[in-house]
C-alpha atoms as a PDB file:
ATOM      1  CA  MET A   1      15.896  -4.148   3.289  1.00  0.00           C
ATOM      2  CA  ILE A   2      14.380  -0.743   4.020  1.00  0.00           C
ATOM      3  CA  THR A   3      11.446  -2.521   5.653  1.00  0.00           C
ATOM      4  CA  TYR A   4      13.366  -5.408   7.235  1.00  0.00           C
ATOM      5  CA  ALA A   5      11.501  -5.003  10.556  1.00  0.00           C
ATOM      6  CA  LEU A   6       8.245  -5.694   8.702  1.00  0.00           C
ATOM      7  CA  TRP A   7       9.444  -9.180   7.743  1.00  0.00           C
ATOM      8  CA  THR A   8      10.565 -10.296  11.197  1.00  0.00           C
ATOM      9  CA  THR A   9       8.976 -10.334  14.657  1.00  0.00           C
ATOM     10  CA  TYR A  10      11.874  -8.624  16.448  1.00  0.00           C
ATOM     11  CA  ARG A  11       9.835  -5.474  16.933  1.00  0.00           C
ATOM     12  CA  LEU A  12       7.134  -3.947  19.132  1.00  0.00           C
ATOM     13  CA  PHE A  13       4.455  -3.598  16.455  1.00  0.00           C
ATOM     14  CA  PRO A  14       2.369  -6.794  16.641  1.00  0.00           C
ATOM     15  CA  THR A  15       2.065  -9.314  13.834  1.00  0.00           C
ATOM     16  CA  VAL A  16      -1.443 -10.084  12.625  1.00  0.00           C
ATOM     17  CA  PRO A  17      -1.554 -13.402  10.728  1.00  0.00           C
ATOM     18  CA  VAL A  18      -4.476 -14.375   8.532  1.00  0.00           C
ATOM     19  CA  ASN A  19      -5.435 -17.154  10.958  1.00  0.00           C
ATOM     20  CA  ASP A  20      -5.024 -17.359  14.738  1.00  0.00           C
ATOM     21  CA  ILE A  21      -3.220 -20.697  14.539  1.00  0.00           C
ATOM     22  CA  LEU A  22      -0.309 -18.913  12.835  1.00  0.00           C
ATOM     23  CA  TYR A  23       0.397 -16.978  16.041  1.00  0.00           C
ATOM     24  CA  ASN A  24       2.167 -20.151  17.147  1.00  0.00           C
ATOM     25  CA  VAL A  25       4.789 -19.870  14.396  1.00  0.00           C
ATOM     26  CA  PRO A  26       8.098 -19.102  16.158  1.00  0.00           C
ATOM     27  CA  PRO A  27       9.968 -15.856  15.360  1.00  0.00           C
ATOM     28  CA  VAL A  28      12.865 -17.756  13.810  1.00  0.00           C
ATOM     29  CA  ILE A  29      10.565 -18.974  10.992  1.00  0.00           C
ATOM     30  CA  HIS A  30       9.781 -15.356  10.046  1.00  0.00           C
ATOM     31  CA  LEU A  31      13.517 -14.681   9.938  1.00  0.00           C
ATOM     32  CA  ILE A  32      14.266 -17.785   7.863  1.00  0.00           C
ATOM     33  CA  LEU A  33      11.587 -16.869   5.326  1.00  0.00           C
ATOM     34  CA  PHE A  34      12.989 -13.337   5.094  1.00  0.00           C
ATOM     35  CA  VAL A  35      16.584 -14.473   4.568  1.00  0.00           C
ATOM     36  CA  ALA A  36      15.501 -17.159   2.091  1.00  0.00           C
ATOM     37  CA  SER A  37      13.558 -14.557   0.096  1.00  0.00           C
ATOM     38  CA  LEU A  38      16.612 -12.304  -0.068  1.00  0.00           C
ATOM     39  CA  LEU A  39      18.740 -15.218  -1.274  1.00  0.00           C
ATOM     40  CA  CYS A  40      16.200 -16.080  -3.974  1.00  0.00           C
ATOM     41  CA  LEU A  41      16.032 -12.449  -5.093  1.00  0.00           C
ATOM     42  CA  SER A  42      19.838 -12.362  -5.314  1.00  0.00           C
ATOM     43  CA  LEU A  43      19.916 -15.595  -7.314  1.00  0.00           C
ATOM     44  CA  PHE A  44      17.159 -14.306  -9.569  1.00  0.00           C
ATOM     45  CA  ILE A  45      19.233 -11.231 -10.449  1.00  0.00           C
ATOM     46  CA  ILE A  46      22.138 -13.480 -11.434  1.00  0.00           C
ATOM     47  CA  ASN A  47      20.035 -16.018 -13.318  1.00  0.00           C
ATOM     48  CA  SER A  48      16.322 -15.582 -14.151  1.00  0.00           C
ATOM     49  CA  ASN A  49      15.444 -19.161 -13.339  1.00  0.00           C
ATOM     50  CA  LYS A  50      11.775 -20.164 -13.078  1.00  0.00           C
ATOM     51  CA  ARG A  51      12.565 -22.687 -10.368  1.00  0.00           C
ATOM     52  CA  VAL A  52      13.969 -19.911  -8.217  1.00  0.00           C
ATOM     53  CA  ALA A  53      10.919 -17.789  -9.059  1.00  0.00           C
ATOM     54  CA  ILE A  54       8.566 -20.554  -7.906  1.00  0.00           C
ATOM     55  CA  ILE A  55      10.421 -20.914  -4.603  1.00  0.00           C
ATOM     56  CA  LEU A  56      10.401 -17.134  -4.154  1.00  0.00           C
ATOM     57  CA  PHE A  57       6.665 -16.979  -4.884  1.00  0.00           C
ATOM     58  CA  PHE A  58       5.794 -19.501  -2.170  1.00  0.00           C
ATOM     59  CA  LEU A  59       8.209 -17.892   0.272  1.00  0.00           C
ATOM     60  CA  GLU A  60       6.479 -14.546  -0.249  1.00  0.00           C
ATOM     61  CA  ILE A  61       3.001 -16.037   0.120  1.00  0.00           C
ATOM     62  CA  GLY A  62       4.104 -17.847   3.266  1.00  0.00           C
ATOM     63  CA  THR A  63       5.611 -14.810   4.939  1.00  0.00           C
ATOM     64  CA  CYS A  64       2.625 -12.612   4.013  1.00  0.00           C
ATOM     65  CA  LEU A  65       0.235 -15.142   5.567  1.00  0.00           C
ATOM     66  CA  LEU A  66       2.100 -14.643   8.843  1.00  0.00           C
ATOM     67  CA  ASP A  67       1.348 -10.912   8.959  1.00  0.00           C
ATOM     68  CA  GLN A  68      -1.380  -9.040   7.082  1.00  0.00           C
ATOM     69  CA  ASN A  69       0.601  -5.798   7.374  1.00  0.00           C
ATOM     70  CA  ARG A  70       3.010  -7.255   4.819  1.00  0.00           C
ATOM     71  CA  TRP A  71       0.325  -7.029   2.130  1.00  0.00           C
ATOM     72  CA  GLN A  72       1.445  -3.562   1.094  1.00  0.00           C
ATOM     73  CA  PRO A  73       0.251  -2.424  -2.378  1.00  0.00           C
ATOM     74  CA  GLU A  74       3.695  -2.787  -3.944  1.00  0.00           C
ATOM     75  CA  ILE A  75       4.154  -6.284  -2.463  1.00  0.00           C
ATOM     76  CA  TYR A  76       0.768  -7.384  -3.793  1.00  0.00           C
ATOM     77  CA  LEU A  77       1.655  -6.021  -7.234  1.00  0.00           C
ATOM     78  CA  PHE A  78       5.014  -7.773  -7.416  1.00  0.00           C
ATOM     79  CA  ILE A  79       3.633 -11.082  -6.114  1.00  0.00           C
ATOM     80  CA  PHE A  80       1.149 -10.976  -9.004  1.00  0.00           C
ATOM     81  CA  PHE A  81       3.983 -10.157 -11.410  1.00  0.00           C
ATOM     82  CA  LEU A  82       5.809 -13.211 -10.104  1.00  0.00           C
ATOM     83  CA  PHE A  83       2.682 -15.362 -10.348  1.00  0.00           C
ATOM     84  CA  CYS A  84       2.301 -14.458 -14.028  1.00  0.00           C
ATOM     85  CA  TYR A  85       5.980 -15.104 -14.691  1.00  0.00           C
ATOM     86  CA  ILE A  86       5.880 -18.650 -13.338  1.00  0.00           C
ATOM     87  CA  THR A  87       2.541 -19.631 -14.929  1.00  0.00           C
ATOM     88  CA  VAL A  88       2.718 -18.080 -18.415  1.00  0.00           C
ATOM     89  CA  ASN A  89       5.219 -19.518 -20.897  1.00  0.00           C
ATOM     90  CA  ASP A  90       4.356 -17.350 -23.887  1.00  0.00           C
ATOM     91  CA  GLU A  91       6.287 -14.083 -23.599  1.00  0.00           C
ATOM     92  CA  GLU A  92       3.684 -12.085 -25.528  1.00  0.00           C
ATOM     93  CA  LYS A  93       0.904 -13.213 -23.172  1.00  0.00           C
ATOM     94  CA  LEU A  94       3.116 -12.656 -20.144  1.00  0.00           C
ATOM     95  CA  LEU A  95       3.783  -9.069 -21.197  1.00  0.00           C
ATOM     96  CA  LEU A  96       0.052  -8.519 -21.685  1.00  0.00           C
ATOM     97  CA  CYS A  97      -0.642  -9.715 -18.119  1.00  0.00           C
ATOM     98  CA  TRP A  98       2.021  -7.374 -16.746  1.00  0.00           C
ATOM     99  CA  GLN A  99       0.695  -4.499 -18.864  1.00  0.00           C
ATOM    100  CA  ILE A 100      -2.841  -5.032 -17.534  1.00  0.00           C
ATOM    101  CA  ILE A 101      -1.547  -4.931 -13.953  1.00  0.00           C
ATOM    102  CA  ILE A 102       0.314  -1.673 -14.623  1.00  0.00           C
ATOM    103  CA  VAL A 103      -2.631  -0.027 -16.403  1.00  0.00           C
ATOM    104  CA  SER A 104      -4.976  -1.070 -13.582  1.00  0.00           C
ATOM    105  CA  SER A 105      -2.580   0.313 -10.948  1.00  0.00           C
ATOM    106  CA  TYR A 106      -2.616   3.811 -12.430  1.00  0.00           C
ATOM    107  CA  PHE A 107      -6.310   3.831 -13.281  1.00  0.00           C
ATOM    108  CA  PHE A 108      -7.546   2.706  -9.867  1.00  0.00           C
ATOM    109  CA  SER A 109      -4.945   4.782  -8.045  1.00  0.00           C
ATOM    110  CA  GLY A 110      -6.645   7.787  -9.651  1.00  0.00           C
ATOM    111  CA  TRP A 111     -10.156   6.439  -9.246  1.00  0.00           C
ATOM    112  CA  PHE A 112      -9.834   6.077  -5.459  1.00  0.00           C
ATOM    113  CA  LYS A 113      -8.621   9.668  -5.156  1.00  0.00           C
ATOM    114  CA  TRP A 114     -11.803  11.008  -6.715  1.00  0.00           C
ATOM    115  CA  HIS A 115     -13.465  12.318  -3.532  1.00  0.00           C
ATOM    116  CA  PRO A 116     -13.306  15.389  -1.242  1.00  0.00           C
ATOM    117  CA  LEU A 117     -11.199  13.633   1.412  1.00  0.00           C
ATOM    118  CA  PHE A 118      -8.299  13.311  -0.994  1.00  0.00           C
ATOM    119  CA  ILE A 119      -8.513  17.064  -1.521  1.00  0.00           C
ATOM    120  CA  SER A 120      -8.555  17.904   2.195  1.00  0.00           C
ATOM    121  CA  ASN A 121      -6.276  15.186   3.628  1.00  0.00           C
ATOM    122  CA  VAL A 122      -3.707  14.786   0.862  1.00  0.00           C
ATOM    123  CA  TRP A 123      -3.831  17.692  -1.615  1.00  0.00           C
ATOM    124  CA  GLN A 124      -4.469  20.555   0.816  1.00  0.00           C
ATOM    125  CA  LYS A 125      -2.791  19.243   3.969  1.00  0.00           C
ATOM    126  CA  ASN A 126       0.166  17.159   2.780  1.00  0.00           C
ATOM    127  CA  ILE A 127       1.025  18.544  -0.654  1.00  0.00           C
ATOM    128  CA  LEU A 128       0.115  22.233  -0.591  1.00  0.00           C
ATOM    129  CA  SER A 129       0.649  22.963   3.103  1.00  0.00           C
ATOM    130  CA  LYS A 130       3.324  20.597   4.416  1.00  0.00           C
ATOM    131  CA  THR A 131       5.373  20.134   1.235  1.00  0.00           C
ATOM    132  CA  PHE A 132       5.133  23.489  -0.530  1.00  0.00           C
ATOM    133  CA  HIS A 133       4.227  25.553   2.596  1.00  0.00           C
ATOM    134  CA  PHE A 134       1.304  27.081   0.766  1.00  0.00           C
ATOM    135  CA  GLN A 135      -1.690  27.805   2.997  1.00  0.00           C
ATOM    136  CA  THR A 136      -4.885  28.419   1.078  1.00  0.00           C
ATOM    137  CA  GLU A 137      -8.641  28.075   1.299  1.00  0.00           C
ATOM    138  CA  ASN A 138      -9.197  29.159  -2.298  1.00  0.00           C
ATOM    139  CA  ARG A 139     -11.837  26.747  -3.564  1.00  0.00           C
ATOM    140  CA  TRP A 140     -10.593  26.804  -7.155  1.00  0.00           C
ATOM    141  CA  LEU A 141      -7.054  25.924  -6.149  1.00  0.00           C
ATOM    142  CA  LEU A 142      -8.387  23.158  -3.927  1.00  0.00           C
ATOM    143  CA  ARG A 143     -10.583  21.851  -6.742  1.00  0.00           C
ATOM    144  CA  ALA A 144      -7.498  21.798  -8.954  1.00  0.00           C
ATOM    145  CA  GLY A 145      -6.411  18.824  -6.832  1.00  0.00           C
ATOM    146  CA  TYR A 146      -8.890  16.722  -8.789  1.00  0.00           C
ATOM    147  CA  LEU A 147      -6.523  17.027 -11.737  1.00  0.00           C
ATOM    148  CA  ILE A 148      -4.245  14.515  -9.988  1.00  0.00           C
ATOM    149  CA  PRO A 149      -6.705  11.579 -10.030  1.00  0.00           C
ATOM    150  CA  LEU A 150      -7.848  12.552 -13.522  1.00  0.00           C
ATOM    151  CA  TYR A 151      -4.204  12.641 -14.617  1.00  0.00           C
ATOM    152  CA  GLU A 152      -3.533   9.144 -13.214  1.00  0.00           C
ATOM    153  CA  MET A 153      -6.658   7.642 -14.754  1.00  0.00           C
ATOM    154  CA  LEU A 154      -5.950   9.122 -18.192  1.00  0.00           C
ATOM    155  CA  VAL A 155      -2.332   7.978 -18.028  1.00  0.00           C
ATOM    156  CA  GLY A 156      -3.496   4.425 -17.310  1.00  0.00           C
ATOM    157  CA  VAL A 157      -5.933   4.442 -20.219  1.00  0.00           C
ATOM    158  CA  GLY A 158      -3.417   6.145 -22.505  1.00  0.00           C
ATOM    159  CA  LEU A 159      -0.896   3.323 -22.041  1.00  0.00           C
ATOM    160  CA  CYS A 160      -3.315   0.960 -23.790  1.00  0.00           C
ATOM    161  CA  PHE A 161      -3.203   2.601 -27.219  1.00  0.00           C
ATOM    162  CA  SER A 162      -0.364   3.040 -29.689  1.00  0.00           C
ATOM    163  CA  LEU A 163      -1.238   6.667 -30.465  1.00  0.00           C
ATOM    164  CA  SER A 164      -1.030   7.779 -26.845  1.00  0.00           C
ATOM    165  CA  LYS A 165       1.278   5.298 -25.125  1.00  0.00           C
ATOM    166  CA  ARG A 166       4.531   7.278 -25.504  1.00  0.00           C
ATOM    167  CA  VAL A 167       2.928  10.476 -24.295  1.00  0.00           C
ATOM    168  CA  SER A 168       1.519   8.482 -21.371  1.00  0.00           C
ATOM    169  CA  VAL A 169       4.942   7.005 -20.570  1.00  0.00           C
ATOM    170  CA  PHE A 170       6.373  10.524 -20.476  1.00  0.00           C
ATOM    171  CA  LEU A 171       3.511  11.638 -18.201  1.00  0.00           C
ATOM    172  CA  VAL A 172       4.166   8.638 -15.935  1.00  0.00           C
ATOM    173  CA  LEU A 173       7.778   9.770 -15.503  1.00  0.00           C
ATOM    174  CA  ILE A 174       6.562  13.244 -14.508  1.00  0.00           C
ATOM    175  CA  LEU A 175       4.074  11.693 -12.070  1.00  0.00           C
ATOM    176  CA  HIS A 176       6.755   9.695 -10.262  1.00  0.00           C
ATOM    177  CA  ILE A 177       9.127  12.660 -10.140  1.00  0.00           C
ATOM    178  CA  PHE A 178       6.301  14.626  -8.520  1.00  0.00           C
ATOM    179  CA  ASN A 179       5.671  11.797  -6.034  1.00  0.00           C
ATOM    180  CA  LEU A 180       9.337  11.761  -5.085  1.00  0.00           C
ATOM    181  CA  MET A 181       9.238  15.546  -4.651  1.00  0.00           C
ATOM    182  CA  TRP A 182       6.459  15.566  -2.064  1.00  0.00           C
ATOM    183  CA  LEU A 183       7.195  12.222  -0.380  1.00  0.00           C
ATOM    184  CA  GLY A 184      10.981  12.307  -0.616  1.00  0.00           C
ATOM    185  CA  PRO A 185      13.735  13.835   1.525  1.00  0.00           C
ATOM    186  CA  PHE A 186      13.007  17.357   0.243  1.00  0.00           C
ATOM    187  CA  GLY A 187       9.279  17.012   0.909  1.00  0.00           C
ATOM    188  CA  LEU A 188       7.516  15.147   3.712  1.00  0.00           C
ATOM    189  CA  HIS A 189      10.353  12.613   4.060  1.00  0.00           C
ATOM    190  CA  SER A 190       7.596  10.033   4.470  1.00  0.00           C
ATOM    191  CA  ASN A 191       7.045   6.375   3.630  1.00  0.00           C
ATOM    192  CA  ILE A 192      10.630   5.780   2.566  1.00  0.00           C
ATOM    193  CA  ALA A 193       9.742   2.337   1.189  1.00  0.00           C
ATOM    194  CA  VAL A 194       7.863   3.865  -1.767  1.00  0.00           C
ATOM    195  CA  TRP A 195      10.824   5.952  -2.944  1.00  0.00           C
ATOM    196  CA  PRO A 196      12.523   3.048  -4.791  1.00  0.00           C
ATOM    197  CA  PHE A 197       9.055   1.786  -5.762  1.00  0.00           C
ATOM    198  CA  ASN A 198       8.370   5.031  -7.635  1.00  0.00           C
ATOM    199  CA  ILE A 199      11.684   4.721  -9.479  1.00  0.00           C
ATOM    200  CA  LEU A 200      10.994   1.085 -10.291  1.00  0.00           C
ATOM    201  CA  MET A 201       7.482   1.764 -11.593  1.00  0.00           C
ATOM    202  CA  ALA A 202       8.872   4.385 -13.973  1.00  0.00           C
ATOM    203  CA  ILE A 203      11.418   1.841 -15.258  1.00  0.00           C
ATOM    204  CA  LEU A 204       8.734  -0.836 -15.648  1.00  0.00           C
ATOM    205  CA  VAL A 205       6.413   1.445 -17.601  1.00  0.00           C
ATOM    206  CA  LEU A 206       9.265   2.550 -19.854  1.00  0.00           C
ATOM    207  CA  ASN A 207      10.192  -1.064 -20.624  1.00  0.00           C
ATOM    208  CA  LEU A 208       6.670  -2.458 -20.932  1.00  0.00           C
ATOM    209  CA  PHE A 209       5.112   0.240 -23.105  1.00  0.00           C
ATOM    210  CA  TRP A 210       7.617   2.466 -24.937  1.00  0.00           C
ATOM    211  CA  ASN A 211       8.446  -0.001 -27.730  1.00  0.00           C
ATOM    212  CA  ARG A 212       5.680  -2.533 -27.063  1.00  0.00           C
ATOM    213  CA  GLU A 213       1.999  -2.697 -27.928  1.00  0.00           C
ATOM    214  CA  MET A 214      -0.843  -4.212 -25.934  1.00  0.00           C
ATOM    215  CA  ILE A 215      -1.888  -7.178 -28.086  1.00  0.00           C
ATOM    216  CA  PHE A 216      -5.670  -7.059 -27.731  1.00  0.00           C
ATOM    217  CA  GLN A 217      -6.106 -10.133 -29.949  1.00  0.00           C
ATOM    218  CA  ASN A 218      -5.142 -12.266 -26.932  1.00  0.00           C
ATOM    219  CA  PHE A 219      -8.452 -11.298 -25.330  1.00  0.00           C
ATOM    220  CA  LYS A 220     -10.356 -13.269 -27.964  1.00  0.00           C
ATOM    221  CA  LYS A 221      -9.264 -16.615 -26.478  1.00  0.00           C
ATOM    222  CA  PRO A 222      -7.973 -15.654 -23.033  1.00  0.00           C
ATOM    223  CA  SER A 223      -5.977 -18.139 -21.006  1.00  0.00           C
ATOM    224  CA  LEU A 224      -6.945 -18.979 -17.430  1.00  0.00           C
ATOM    225  CA  ILE A 225      -4.118 -16.807 -16.072  1.00  0.00           C
ATOM    226  CA  LEU A 226      -5.226 -13.834 -18.184  1.00  0.00           C
ATOM    227  CA  ILE A 227      -8.782 -14.244 -16.857  1.00  0.00           C
ATOM    228  CA  ILE A 228      -7.445 -14.317 -13.282  1.00  0.00           C
ATOM    229  CA  VAL A 229      -5.410 -11.153 -13.900  1.00  0.00           C
ATOM    230  CA  ILE A 230      -8.416  -9.373 -15.434  1.00  0.00           C
ATOM    231  CA  MET A 231     -10.613 -10.414 -12.494  1.00  0.00           C
ATOM    232  CA  PHE A 232      -8.187  -9.309  -9.772  1.00  0.00           C
ATOM    233  CA  TRP A 233      -6.985  -6.142 -11.485  1.00  0.00           C
ATOM    234  CA  GLY A 234      -9.872  -5.079 -13.698  1.00  0.00           C
ATOM    235  CA  VAL A 235     -13.056  -6.282 -11.979  1.00  0.00           C
ATOM    236  CA  ILE A 236     -12.682  -6.938  -8.239  1.00  0.00           C
ATOM    237  CA  PRO A 237     -11.199  -3.495  -7.359  1.00  0.00           C
ATOM    238  CA  TRP A 238     -14.553  -1.926  -8.261  1.00  0.00           C
ATOM    239  CA  SER A 239     -16.055  -3.699  -5.236  1.00  0.00           C
ATOM    240  CA  ASN A 240     -13.782  -1.696  -2.926  1.00  0.00           C
ATOM    241  CA  LYS A 241     -16.331   1.112  -2.893  1.00  0.00           C
ATOM    242  CA  LEU A 242     -18.861  -1.347  -1.465  1.00  0.00           C
ATOM    243  CA  GLY A 243     -16.434  -2.541   1.206  1.00  0.00           C
ATOM    244  CA  TYR A 244     -15.832  -5.983  -0.306  1.00  0.00           C
ATOM    245  CA  TRP A 245     -12.146  -5.600  -1.225  1.00  0.00           C
ATOM    246  CA  ASP A 246      -9.345  -4.000   0.769  1.00  0.00           C
ATOM    247  CA  ASP A 247      -7.769  -0.665  -0.176  1.00  0.00           C
ATOM    248  CA  PHE A 248      -4.229  -2.026  -0.438  1.00  0.00           C
ATOM    249  CA  LEU A 249      -5.398  -4.758  -2.828  1.00  0.00           C
ATOM    250  CA  SER A 250      -7.138  -2.203  -5.054  1.00  0.00           C
ATOM    251  CA  SER A 251      -4.177   0.062  -5.924  1.00  0.00           C
ATOM    252  CA  GLU A 252      -5.343   2.643  -3.392  1.00  0.00           C
ATOM    253  CA  TYR A 253      -2.277   4.885  -3.049  1.00  0.00           C
ATOM    254  CA  TYR A 254      -2.684   7.982  -0.865  1.00  0.00           C
ATOM    255  CA  GLY A 255      -6.413   8.283  -1.405  1.00  0.00           C
ATOM    256  CA  GLY A 256      -6.889  10.032   1.934  1.00  0.00           C
ATOM    257  CA  HIS A 257     -10.125   8.234   2.835  1.00  0.00           C
ATOM    258  CA  GLY A 258      -8.774   5.167   4.626  1.00  0.00           C
ATOM    259  CA  LEU A 259      -9.275   3.831   8.126  1.00  0.00           C
ATOM    260  CA  TYR A 260      -7.131   5.148  10.971  1.00  0.00           C
ATOM    261  CA  CYS A 261      -6.678   3.484  14.340  1.00  0.00           C
ATOM    262  CA  TYR A 262      -5.883   5.160  17.668  1.00  0.00           C
ATOM    263  CA  ILE A 263      -5.240   3.913  21.178  1.00  0.00           C
ATOM    264  CA  ASP A 264      -6.416   6.214  23.983  1.00  0.00           C
ATOM    265  CA  ILE A 265      -4.696   5.565  27.334  1.00  0.00           C
ATOM    266  CA  ALA A 266      -3.861   7.498  30.487  1.00  0.00           C
ATOM    267  CA  LYS A 267      -0.678   9.575  30.223  1.00  0.00           C
ATOM    268  CA  GLU A 268       0.992   7.800  33.166  1.00  0.00           C
ATOM    269  CA  LYS A 269       0.504   4.431  31.436  1.00  0.00           C
ATOM    270  CA  VAL A 270       2.158   5.366  28.144  1.00  0.00           C
ATOM    271  CA  PRO A 271       4.828   2.752  27.267  1.00  0.00           C
ATOM    272  CA  LYS A 272       8.126   4.627  27.099  1.00  0.00           C
ATOM    273  CA  ALA A 273       9.271   2.824  23.948  1.00  0.00           C
ATOM    274  CA  LEU A 274       6.134   3.954  22.105  1.00  0.00           C
ATOM    275  CA  SER A 275       6.118   7.575  23.272  1.00  0.00           C
ATOM    276  CA  PRO A 276       7.382   8.953  19.901  1.00  0.00           C
ATOM    277  CA  TYR A 277       4.175   7.727  18.240  1.00  0.00           C
ATOM    278  CA  PHE A 278       1.722   9.543  20.512  1.00  0.00           C
ATOM    279  CA  ILE A 279       0.032  12.644  19.149  1.00  0.00           C
ATOM    280  CA  LYS A 280      -1.984  15.603  20.355  1.00  0.00           C
ATOM    281  CA  SER A 281      -5.480  15.395  18.981  1.00  0.00           C
ATOM    282  CA  SER A 282      -9.023  16.464  19.723  1.00  0.00           C
ATOM    283  CA  LEU A 283      -9.935  12.789  19.362  1.00  0.00           C
ATOM    284  CA  ALA A 284      -8.489  12.114  22.829  1.00  0.00           C
ATOM    285  CA  GLN A 285     -11.255  11.479  25.347  1.00  0.00           C
ATOM    286  CA  ASN A 286      -9.982  13.780  28.100  1.00  0.00           C
ATOM    287  CA  PRO A 287      -6.977  16.020  28.964  1.00  0.00           C
ATOM    288  CA  ASP A 288      -5.404  13.260  31.083  1.00  0.00           C
ATOM    289  CA  SER A 289      -5.157  10.755  28.243  1.00  0.00           C
ATOM    290  CA  SER A 290      -2.695  10.309  25.392  1.00  0.00           C
ATOM    291  CA  LEU A 291      -3.412   9.129  21.877  1.00  0.00           C
ATOM    292  CA  LEU A 292      -1.234   6.569  20.114  1.00  0.00           C
ATOM    293  CA  SER A 293      -1.460   6.756  16.328  1.00  0.00           C
ATOM    294  CA  VAL A 294      -1.149   3.212  14.959  1.00  0.00           C
ATOM    295  CA  GLN A 295      -0.273   4.714  11.576  1.00  0.00           C
ATOM    296  CA  ASN A 296       2.663   6.649  13.075  1.00  0.00           C
ATOM    297  CA  TRP A 297       3.740   3.554  15.010  1.00  0.00           C
ATOM    298  CA  SER A 298       3.811   1.472  11.834  1.00  0.00           C
ATOM    299  CA  TYR A 299       5.671   4.152   9.861  1.00  0.00           C
ATOM    300  CA  GLY A 300       8.157   4.690  12.691  1.00  0.00           C
ATOM    301  CA  GLU A 301       9.025   1.070  13.311  1.00  0.00           C
ATOM    302  CA  LEU A 302       8.309  -0.709  10.028  1.00  0.00           C
ATOM    303  CA  ASN A 303       8.716   2.084   7.435  1.00  0.00           C
ATOM    304  CA  VAL A 304       5.304   1.261   5.947  1.00  0.00           C
ATOM    305  CA  PRO A 305       1.730   2.412   6.672  1.00  0.00           C
ATOM    306  CA  SER A 306      -0.492   0.171   8.784  1.00  0.00           C
ATOM    307  CA  TYR A 307      -2.892  -2.041   6.850  1.00  0.00           C
ATOM    308  CA  PRO A 308      -6.101   0.048   6.603  1.00  0.00           C
ATOM    309  CA  SER A 309      -8.689  -2.572   7.451  1.00  0.00           C
ATOM    310  CA  ALA A 310     -11.081  -2.924  10.390  1.00  0.00           C
ATOM    311  CA  ARG A 311     -10.306  -6.644  10.410  1.00  0.00           C
ATOM    312  CA  PHE A 312      -6.612  -5.930  10.828  1.00  0.00           C
ATOM    313  CA  TYR A 313      -7.102  -3.322  13.554  1.00  0.00           C
ATOM    314  CA  LYS A 314      -9.390  -5.581  15.594  1.00  0.00           C
ATOM    315  CA  LYS A 315      -6.776  -8.326  15.615  1.00  0.00           C
ATOM    316  CA  MET A 316      -4.052  -5.822  16.434  1.00  0.00           C
ATOM    317  CA  ALA A 317      -6.186  -4.592  19.367  1.00  0.00           C
ATOM    318  CA  GLU A 318      -6.273  -8.136  20.755  1.00  0.00           C
ATOM    319  CA  GLN A 319      -2.481  -8.198  20.762  1.00  0.00           C
ATOM    320  CA  TRP A 320      -2.336  -4.776  22.429  1.00  0.00           C
ATOM    321  CA  PHE A 321      -4.604  -5.836  25.301  1.00  0.00           C
ATOM    322  CA  LYS A 322      -2.461  -8.923  25.873  1.00  0.00           C
ATOM    323  CA  THR A 323       0.799  -6.985  25.977  1.00  0.00           C
ATOM    324  CA  TYR A 324       0.041  -3.479  27.223  1.00  0.00           C
ATOM    325  CA  ASP A 325      -2.515  -1.572  29.280  1.00  0.00           C
ATOM    326  CA  THR A 326      -5.975  -3.134  29.240  1.00  0.00           C
ATOM    327  CA  THR A 327      -7.774  -0.021  30.466  1.00  0.00           C
ATOM    328  CA  GLY A 328      -7.125   1.911  27.294  1.00  0.00           C
ATOM    329  CA  LYS A 329      -9.660   2.350  24.534  1.00  0.00           C
ATOM    330  CA  ILE A 330      -8.915   1.474  20.940  1.00  0.00           C
ATOM    331  CA  PHE A 331     -10.997   2.956  18.183  1.00  0.00           C
ATOM    332  CA  ILE A 332     -11.106   3.183  14.415  1.00  0.00           C
ATOM    333  CA  VAL A 333     -11.831   6.444  12.644  1.00  0.00           C
ATOM    334  CA  GLN A 334     -13.037   6.609   9.066  1.00  0.00           C
ATOM    335  CA  SER A 335     -11.652   9.644   7.279  1.00  0.00           C
ATOM    336  CA  LEU A 336     -10.564  11.364  10.523  1.00  0.00           C
ATOM    337  CA  LYS A 337     -14.148  12.312  11.399  1.00  0.00           C
ATOM    338  CA  LYS A 338     -15.218  12.212  15.047  1.00  0.00           C
ATOM    339  CA  THR A 339     -18.722  11.238  14.003  1.00  0.00           C
ATOM    340  CA  GLU A 340     -17.413   7.989  12.525  1.00  0.00           C
ATOM    341  CA  ILE A 341     -15.575   6.601  15.557  1.00  0.00           C
ATOM    342  CA  ARG A 342     -15.952   2.863  16.118  1.00  0.00           C
ATOM    343  CA  TYR A 343     -14.631   1.444  19.386  1.00  0.00           C
ATOM    344  CA  ILE A 344     -13.042  -1.995  19.458  1.00  0.00           C
ATOM    345  CA  PRO A 345     -14.294  -4.056  22.421  1.00  0.00           C
ATOM    346  CA  ARG A 346     -11.820  -6.001  24.579  1.00  0.00           C
END
C-alpha cells in the first residue's frame, strides 16, 4: 500500500513492460491485478491456502511483467518465497529453500558493497554526513565502512551453522535496527518502502533460524526446486559483476555503484509537475538547462528507487520522448562519474 502508485498506471512515471506489446494493456488491468493481489494477500492471512498462493503467484508475475520497475529486490525475494511454498510439499525442504534465499540475501548484499563507491556514495555521504552529520576525510574512518559488507557476509554465512546461528540472528537484528536508523524518519527519511521490509526480514530470520537447523543432508539428493533456488540465489548472482544479471535480482541493497539516469532539458521546458525532481548538478550541459533525476522522480512518485538497468532506462527514454520535450538529452551515468556518461539516442 505504501507503493500503490507503483502497481497502477495513474501516475506520471512511465511503465516499462518486459515486451513492447504489453504497452497495449489498458490501465484498468493494472488496477485489477493490484486489487486482486491485495485480496489474495488478505485471504492468505486468514487461511494459508495453497490455491490462493498459486493465484497470488501468477498475479504477481503478471503485474511485474507489465512494469520492470516493479521488480524491486524485496518483491523478487518474496515471489521466490511464494514459488517455493507452492511447489514444495515437504516442510523440511521448504524451510531449507527459504533459508538459502535468506542466507544468499545477506551474503550478496555484503558482497556487492565491497568496493570504494560504497564507501564514498553510501558510507561517507549518506551515513556519516547526511545521517550523523559527521564530516570527515580521515582515511581510516572511511575504510571502517568496509566493516559493513564484511558484517553482512559473515552474518549470512553464520546463519548456516548451529554454533553461530543464534549469534548471527542477534547480529541481524542489530543490522536492521541500524538500517532503520539511517533510512528511517530520524535519518534520511528515504525509501519508505524498505522500513517494513527491514522489520519483516528480522522476523523471518528469527523464525527460520533461531530454533531451526539447515538440514544439509537434503543437498545429497536435491529436488528440482532446490536446484533452481541454488542456481538463482547461489550461482547466478556471481555473474552480476560481469554484467549478466541485474543488481536488483542479485540482492544488491545500497551498494552505491549502480546506474543513474538524468534528463537534461532547457529550464523553460521543465514540466511543472516534475519540477520537484530536478536537481542542481555539474552534470548539466550548460547554465540554461535543468537536470531531472530519474531516481528522485521514482522515489518521489512511487516510493521506490528506479530499476538500475540500462535496458530499463532506454525504454523509459522512449516514453519520455513520446510524452515530453524531444529536444532534451537523456543519459546514464555509472557511479556518478562524468567520464562514464552514456547518452541515449532518440
